[in-house]
């Protein structure tokens, strides 16, 4: 076996259970409410704004269905008292590191912010 290199990946599963950050391209109206949930057929719940007007959607109830382990989409709803300004399902982008001698193995990964543009 001289000169052979083992081309195997370790049996490691990576999970990112951190909140998903939702970022808006432009400032929201002062009376806007942001709601979100994971998946396409979900019931959005209000997401409180952070101190810097950021929105983080936790991966737990009521935002996450108990059957869903690692979400890949988030539904974001923005509404005022008069109208729904935005209601769409967005892909959640990820950043993935590759592992192994040639980068052939999946490595740690993390969610990136979901950028929302109101039309």
N, C-alpha and C. Protein backbone atom coordinates (compact mmCIF):
# COMPACT_ATOMS: atom_id res chain seq x y z
N UNK A 1 0.81 -1.20 0.00
CA UNK A 1 0.00 0.00 0.00
C UNK A 1 0.85 1.26 0.00
N UNK A 2 2.00 1.19 -0.52
CA UNK A 2 2.82 2.39 -0.55
C UNK A 2 2.27 3.38 -1.57
N UNK A 3 2.27 4.64 -1.20
CA UNK A 3 1.80 5.69 -2.09
C UNK A 3 0.29 5.87 -2.12
N UNK A 4 -0.45 5.09 -1.36
CA UNK A 4 -1.92 5.24 -1.35
C UNK A 4 -2.35 6.27 -0.32
N UNK A 5 -3.36 7.01 -0.67
CA UNK A 5 -3.93 8.00 0.23
C UNK A 5 -5.39 7.62 0.46
N UNK A 6 -5.78 7.56 1.70
CA UNK A 6 -7.16 7.24 2.03
C UNK A 6 -8.05 8.43 1.68
N UNK A 7 -9.02 8.20 0.83
CA UNK A 7 -9.91 9.26 0.36
C UNK A 7 -11.29 9.08 1.01
N UNK A 8 -11.33 9.11 2.31
CA UNK A 8 -12.59 8.90 3.03
C UNK A 8 -12.93 10.14 3.86
N UNK A 9 -14.21 10.35 4.04
CA UNK A 9 -14.68 11.48 4.85
C UNK A 9 -15.08 10.97 6.22
N UNK A 10 -14.84 11.76 7.26
CA UNK A 10 -15.26 11.34 8.60
C UNK A 10 -16.79 11.37 8.71
N UNK A 11 -17.30 10.53 9.56
CA UNK A 11 -18.76 10.46 9.78
C UNK A 11 -19.17 11.49 10.82
N UNK A 12 -19.10 12.74 10.44
CA UNK A 12 -19.44 13.84 11.34
C UNK A 12 -20.61 14.60 10.74
N UNK A 13 -21.62 14.84 11.53
CA UNK A 13 -22.75 15.65 11.08
C UNK A 13 -22.66 17.04 11.67
N UNK A 14 -22.86 18.05 10.86
CA UNK A 14 -22.78 19.42 11.32
C UNK A 14 -24.18 20.03 11.37
N UNK A 15 -24.45 20.80 12.40
CA UNK A 15 -25.74 21.45 12.60
C UNK A 15 -25.52 22.90 12.97
N UNK A 16 -26.37 23.76 12.45
CA UNK A 16 -26.34 25.17 12.85
C UNK A 16 -27.71 25.50 13.42
N UNK A 17 -27.79 25.62 14.72
CA UNK A 17 -29.08 25.89 15.38
C UNK A 17 -29.23 27.37 15.77
N UNK A 18 -28.37 28.21 15.22
CA UNK A 18 -28.43 29.63 15.56
C UNK A 18 -29.64 30.28 14.88
N UNK A 19 -30.10 31.42 15.39
CA UNK A 19 -31.22 32.13 14.75
C UNK A 19 -30.84 32.56 13.33
N UNK A 20 -31.85 32.65 12.47
CA UNK A 20 -31.63 33.12 11.11
C UNK A 20 -31.84 34.64 11.10
N UNK A 21 -30.85 35.36 10.60
CA UNK A 21 -30.94 36.81 10.55
C UNK A 21 -31.65 37.25 9.27
N UNK A 22 -32.64 38.11 9.42
CA UNK A 22 -33.36 38.68 8.28
C UNK A 22 -32.97 40.15 8.20
N UNK A 23 -32.46 40.55 7.04
CA UNK A 23 -31.97 41.90 6.82
C UNK A 23 -32.80 42.53 5.70
N UNK A 24 -33.25 43.75 5.90
CA UNK A 24 -34.02 44.46 4.89
C UNK A 24 -33.12 45.46 4.19
N UNK A 25 -33.22 45.50 2.85
CA UNK A 25 -32.38 46.42 2.06
C UNK A 25 -32.65 47.88 2.39
N UNK A 26 -33.91 48.19 2.71
CA UNK A 26 -34.28 49.56 3.02
C UNK A 26 -35.01 49.58 4.36
N UNK A 27 -35.05 50.73 4.98
CA UNK A 27 -35.74 50.86 6.27
C UNK A 27 -37.22 50.56 6.10
N UNK A 28 -37.78 49.90 7.10
CA UNK A 28 -39.20 49.57 7.09
C UNK A 28 -40.01 50.77 7.60
N UNK A 29 -41.28 50.85 7.21
CA UNK A 29 -42.13 51.90 7.78
C UNK A 29 -42.19 51.75 9.30
N UNK A 30 -42.38 52.84 9.99
CA UNK A 30 -42.36 52.84 11.45
C UNK A 30 -43.41 51.91 12.06
N UNK A 31 -44.55 51.75 11.38
CA UNK A 31 -45.61 50.91 11.94
C UNK A 31 -45.59 49.47 11.40
N UNK A 32 -44.51 49.08 10.72
CA UNK A 32 -44.43 47.74 10.14
C UNK A 32 -44.20 46.67 11.21
N UNK A 33 -44.81 45.52 10.99
CA UNK A 33 -44.62 44.34 11.83
C UNK A 33 -43.99 43.26 10.96
N UNK A 34 -42.96 42.62 11.48
CA UNK A 34 -42.30 41.53 10.77
C UNK A 34 -42.69 40.22 11.43
N UNK A 35 -43.14 39.28 10.61
CA UNK A 35 -43.47 37.94 11.07
C UNK A 35 -42.70 36.96 10.20
N UNK A 36 -42.42 35.77 10.75
CA UNK A 36 -41.67 34.79 9.98
C UNK A 36 -41.93 33.38 10.51
N UNK A 37 -41.59 32.42 9.67
CA UNK A 37 -41.63 31.00 10.05
C UNK A 37 -40.79 30.23 9.03
N UNK A 38 -40.42 29.02 9.38
CA UNK A 38 -39.58 28.21 8.50
C UNK A 38 -40.43 27.27 7.67
N UNK A 39 -40.18 27.28 6.36
CA UNK A 39 -40.93 26.45 5.44
C UNK A 39 -41.88 27.30 4.62
N UNK A 40 -42.55 26.67 3.65
CA UNK A 40 -43.45 27.39 2.76
C UNK A 40 -44.88 27.38 3.27
N UNK A 41 -45.30 26.31 3.89
CA UNK A 41 -46.69 26.16 4.36
C UNK A 41 -46.77 26.33 5.86
N UNK A 42 -46.21 27.40 6.38
CA UNK A 42 -46.17 27.62 7.83
C UNK A 42 -46.99 28.83 8.22
N UNK A 43 -47.24 28.97 9.50
CA UNK A 43 -48.01 30.10 10.02
C UNK A 43 -47.03 31.07 10.68
N UNK A 44 -46.80 32.25 10.07
CA UNK A 44 -45.81 33.19 10.62
C UNK A 44 -46.19 33.72 12.01
N UNK A 45 -45.17 33.94 12.81
CA UNK A 45 -45.32 34.55 14.13
C UNK A 45 -44.48 35.82 14.16
N UNK A 46 -44.91 36.78 14.96
CA UNK A 46 -44.22 38.07 15.04
C UNK A 46 -42.79 37.87 15.55
N UNK A 47 -41.86 38.55 14.89
CA UNK A 47 -40.45 38.54 15.28
C UNK A 47 -40.13 39.91 15.86
N UNK A 48 -39.73 39.99 17.12
CA UNK A 48 -39.40 41.30 17.69
C UNK A 48 -38.13 41.87 17.06
N UNK A 49 -38.11 43.17 16.89
CA UNK A 49 -36.93 43.83 16.34
C UNK A 49 -35.84 43.89 17.40
N UNK A 50 -34.61 43.73 16.96
CA UNK A 50 -33.47 43.86 17.87
C UNK A 50 -33.17 45.33 18.11
N UNK A 51 -32.21 45.58 18.95
CA UNK A 51 -31.85 46.96 19.31
C UNK A 51 -31.40 47.76 18.09
N UNK A 52 -30.78 47.11 17.13
CA UNK A 52 -30.30 47.81 15.93
C UNK A 52 -31.24 47.62 14.74
N UNK A 53 -32.53 47.36 15.02
CA UNK A 53 -33.56 47.14 14.00
C UNK A 53 -33.29 45.89 13.17
N UNK A 54 -32.55 44.95 13.75
CA UNK A 54 -32.32 43.67 13.08
C UNK A 54 -33.40 42.69 13.52
N UNK A 55 -33.56 41.63 12.75
CA UNK A 55 -34.56 40.61 13.07
C UNK A 55 -33.88 39.25 13.04
N UNK A 56 -34.00 38.51 14.13
CA UNK A 56 -33.44 37.16 14.21
C UNK A 56 -34.56 36.19 14.51
N UNK A 57 -34.71 35.20 13.63
CA UNK A 57 -35.77 34.21 13.75
C UNK A 57 -35.19 32.97 14.42
N UNK A 58 -35.59 32.68 15.66
CA UNK A 58 -35.05 31.51 16.37
C UNK A 58 -35.53 30.20 15.74
N UNK A 59 -34.71 29.20 15.79
CA UNK A 59 -35.09 27.89 15.29
C UNK A 59 -35.81 27.11 16.39
N UNK A 60 -36.96 27.59 16.77
CA UNK A 60 -37.79 26.94 17.79
C UNK A 60 -39.23 27.38 17.58
N UNK A 61 -40.15 26.73 18.29
CA UNK A 61 -41.57 27.10 18.19
C UNK A 61 -41.73 28.53 18.67
N UNK A 62 -42.60 29.30 18.11
CA UNK A 62 -43.61 28.96 17.11
C UNK A 62 -43.13 29.13 15.67
N UNK A 63 -41.85 29.44 15.46
CA UNK A 63 -41.32 29.68 14.12
C UNK A 63 -40.97 28.40 13.38
N UNK A 64 -40.61 27.38 14.10
CA UNK A 64 -40.12 26.13 13.52
C UNK A 64 -41.06 24.99 13.89
N UNK A 65 -41.52 24.27 12.89
CA UNK A 65 -42.36 23.09 13.11
C UNK A 65 -41.49 22.01 13.74
N UNK A 66 -42.05 21.26 14.64
CA UNK A 66 -41.28 20.24 15.37
C UNK A 66 -40.76 19.14 14.45
N UNK A 67 -41.33 18.99 13.26
CA UNK A 67 -40.88 17.95 12.33
C UNK A 67 -39.68 18.38 11.49
N UNK A 68 -39.38 19.66 11.47
CA UNK A 68 -38.31 20.20 10.65
C UNK A 68 -37.03 20.29 11.47
N UNK A 69 -35.94 19.72 10.93
CA UNK A 69 -34.68 19.71 11.68
C UNK A 69 -33.79 20.88 11.28
N UNK A 70 -33.44 20.98 10.03
CA UNK A 70 -32.59 22.06 9.53
C UNK A 70 -33.33 22.77 8.41
N UNK A 71 -33.90 23.94 8.66
CA UNK A 71 -34.68 24.63 7.64
C UNK A 71 -33.81 25.12 6.48
N UNK A 72 -34.41 25.14 5.28
CA UNK A 72 -33.69 25.71 4.15
C UNK A 72 -34.44 26.88 3.52
N UNK A 73 -35.66 27.14 4.04
CA UNK A 73 -36.42 28.32 3.59
C UNK A 73 -37.06 29.00 4.79
N UNK A 74 -37.29 30.30 4.64
CA UNK A 74 -37.97 31.08 5.67
C UNK A 74 -39.03 31.94 4.98
N UNK A 75 -40.23 31.93 5.53
CA UNK A 75 -41.29 32.79 5.02
C UNK A 75 -41.26 34.08 5.83
N UNK A 76 -41.20 35.21 5.15
CA UNK A 76 -41.13 36.52 5.80
C UNK A 76 -42.35 37.33 5.37
N UNK A 77 -43.07 37.86 6.36
CA UNK A 77 -44.24 38.70 6.10
C UNK A 77 -44.01 40.05 6.78
N UNK A 78 -44.19 41.11 6.00
CA UNK A 78 -44.09 42.47 6.53
C UNK A 78 -45.45 43.13 6.29
N UNK A 79 -46.04 43.62 7.36
CA UNK A 79 -47.37 44.22 7.24
C UNK A 79 -47.46 45.50 8.07
N UNK A 80 -48.31 46.39 7.61
CA UNK A 80 -48.69 47.56 8.38
C UNK A 80 -50.17 47.39 8.72
N UNK A 81 -50.74 48.33 9.42
CA UNK A 81 -52.16 48.23 9.74
C UNK A 81 -53.02 48.27 8.48
N UNK A 82 -52.50 48.88 7.42
CA UNK A 82 -53.28 49.07 6.19
C UNK A 82 -53.06 48.00 5.12
N UNK A 83 -51.88 47.37 5.10
CA UNK A 83 -51.57 46.48 3.98
C UNK A 83 -50.46 45.48 4.31
N UNK A 84 -50.43 44.42 3.54
CA UNK A 84 -49.31 43.48 3.58
C UNK A 84 -48.32 43.96 2.54
N UNK A 85 -47.13 44.32 2.99
CA UNK A 85 -46.11 44.87 2.09
C UNK A 85 -45.26 43.80 1.44
N UNK A 86 -45.14 42.65 2.11
CA UNK A 86 -44.28 41.58 1.62
C UNK A 86 -44.73 40.26 2.24
N UNK A 87 -44.86 39.24 1.44
CA UNK A 87 -45.17 37.88 1.91
C UNK A 87 -44.55 36.92 0.92
N UNK A 88 -43.37 36.41 1.27
CA UNK A 88 -42.65 35.54 0.34
C UNK A 88 -41.79 34.54 1.11
N UNK A 89 -41.50 33.44 0.43
CA UNK A 89 -40.62 32.41 0.97
C UNK A 89 -39.24 32.62 0.36
N UNK A 90 -38.22 32.67 1.22
CA UNK A 90 -36.85 32.93 0.78
C UNK A 90 -35.96 31.73 1.10
N UNK A 91 -35.06 31.41 0.17
CA UNK A 91 -34.03 30.42 0.44
C UNK A 91 -33.08 30.99 1.50
N UNK A 92 -32.64 30.15 2.42
CA UNK A 92 -31.68 30.59 3.43
C UNK A 92 -30.29 30.25 2.91
N UNK A 93 -29.47 31.25 2.60
CA UNK A 93 -28.13 30.95 2.09
C UNK A 93 -27.24 30.37 3.20
N UNK A 94 -26.32 29.54 2.79
CA UNK A 94 -25.38 28.95 3.75
C UNK A 94 -23.95 29.18 3.29
N UNK A 95 -23.07 29.17 4.25
CA UNK A 95 -21.63 29.20 3.98
C UNK A 95 -21.10 27.84 4.43
N UNK A 96 -20.42 27.15 3.52
CA UNK A 96 -19.94 25.81 3.83
C UNK A 96 -18.43 25.75 3.67
N UNK A 97 -17.80 25.13 4.64
CA UNK A 97 -16.36 24.89 4.56
C UNK A 97 -16.15 23.45 4.09
N UNK A 98 -15.20 23.25 3.25
CA UNK A 98 -14.89 21.91 2.78
C UNK A 98 -13.75 21.35 3.62
N UNK A 99 -13.72 20.04 3.77
CA UNK A 99 -12.70 19.37 4.57
C UNK A 99 -12.08 18.24 3.73
N UNK A 100 -11.11 17.58 4.29
CA UNK A 100 -10.44 16.50 3.57
C UNK A 100 -9.23 17.02 2.84
N UNK A 101 -8.40 16.12 2.41
CA UNK A 101 -7.14 16.46 1.74
C UNK A 101 -7.37 17.31 0.49
N UNK A 102 -8.43 17.00 -0.27
CA UNK A 102 -8.72 17.73 -1.51
C UNK A 102 -10.02 18.53 -1.41
N UNK A 103 -10.56 18.69 -0.22
CA UNK A 103 -11.81 19.41 -0.06
C UNK A 103 -13.02 18.62 -0.52
N UNK A 104 -12.89 17.30 -0.55
CA UNK A 104 -13.96 16.44 -1.04
C UNK A 104 -15.02 16.13 0.00
N UNK A 105 -14.81 16.52 1.24
CA UNK A 105 -15.73 16.18 2.32
C UNK A 105 -16.49 17.42 2.79
N UNK A 106 -17.76 17.24 3.13
CA UNK A 106 -18.49 18.37 3.72
C UNK A 106 -17.90 18.72 5.08
N UNK A 107 -17.84 19.99 5.37
CA UNK A 107 -17.30 20.43 6.65
C UNK A 107 -18.31 21.27 7.39
N UNK A 108 -17.87 22.01 8.38
CA UNK A 108 -18.79 22.87 9.12
C UNK A 108 -19.46 23.87 8.17
N UNK A 109 -20.67 24.24 8.50
CA UNK A 109 -21.41 25.22 7.70
C UNK A 109 -22.21 26.10 8.64
N UNK A 110 -22.63 27.24 8.11
CA UNK A 110 -23.43 28.17 8.92
C UNK A 110 -24.39 28.92 8.00
N UNK A 111 -25.48 29.40 8.59
CA UNK A 111 -26.44 30.19 7.85
C UNK A 111 -25.91 31.59 7.63
N UNK A 112 -26.23 32.15 6.47
CA UNK A 112 -25.92 33.55 6.19
C UNK A 112 -27.22 34.35 6.28
N UNK A 113 -27.15 35.67 6.41
CA UNK A 113 -28.37 36.47 6.50
C UNK A 113 -29.24 36.35 5.24
N UNK A 114 -30.53 36.41 5.46
CA UNK A 114 -31.51 36.44 4.37
C UNK A 114 -31.80 37.92 4.09
N UNK A 115 -31.52 38.34 2.87
CA UNK A 115 -31.71 39.74 2.50
C UNK A 115 -33.08 39.87 1.81
N UNK A 116 -33.90 40.76 2.32
CA UNK A 116 -35.25 40.96 1.80
C UNK A 116 -35.36 42.36 1.23
N UNK A 117 -35.90 42.43 0.01
CA UNK A 117 -36.14 43.72 -0.63
C UNK A 117 -37.65 43.87 -0.81
N UNK A 118 -38.20 44.93 -0.26
CA UNK A 118 -39.62 45.21 -0.43
C UNK A 118 -39.83 45.85 -1.79
N UNK A 119 -40.79 45.36 -2.52
CA UNK A 119 -41.09 45.91 -3.86
C UNK A 119 -42.06 47.05 -3.75
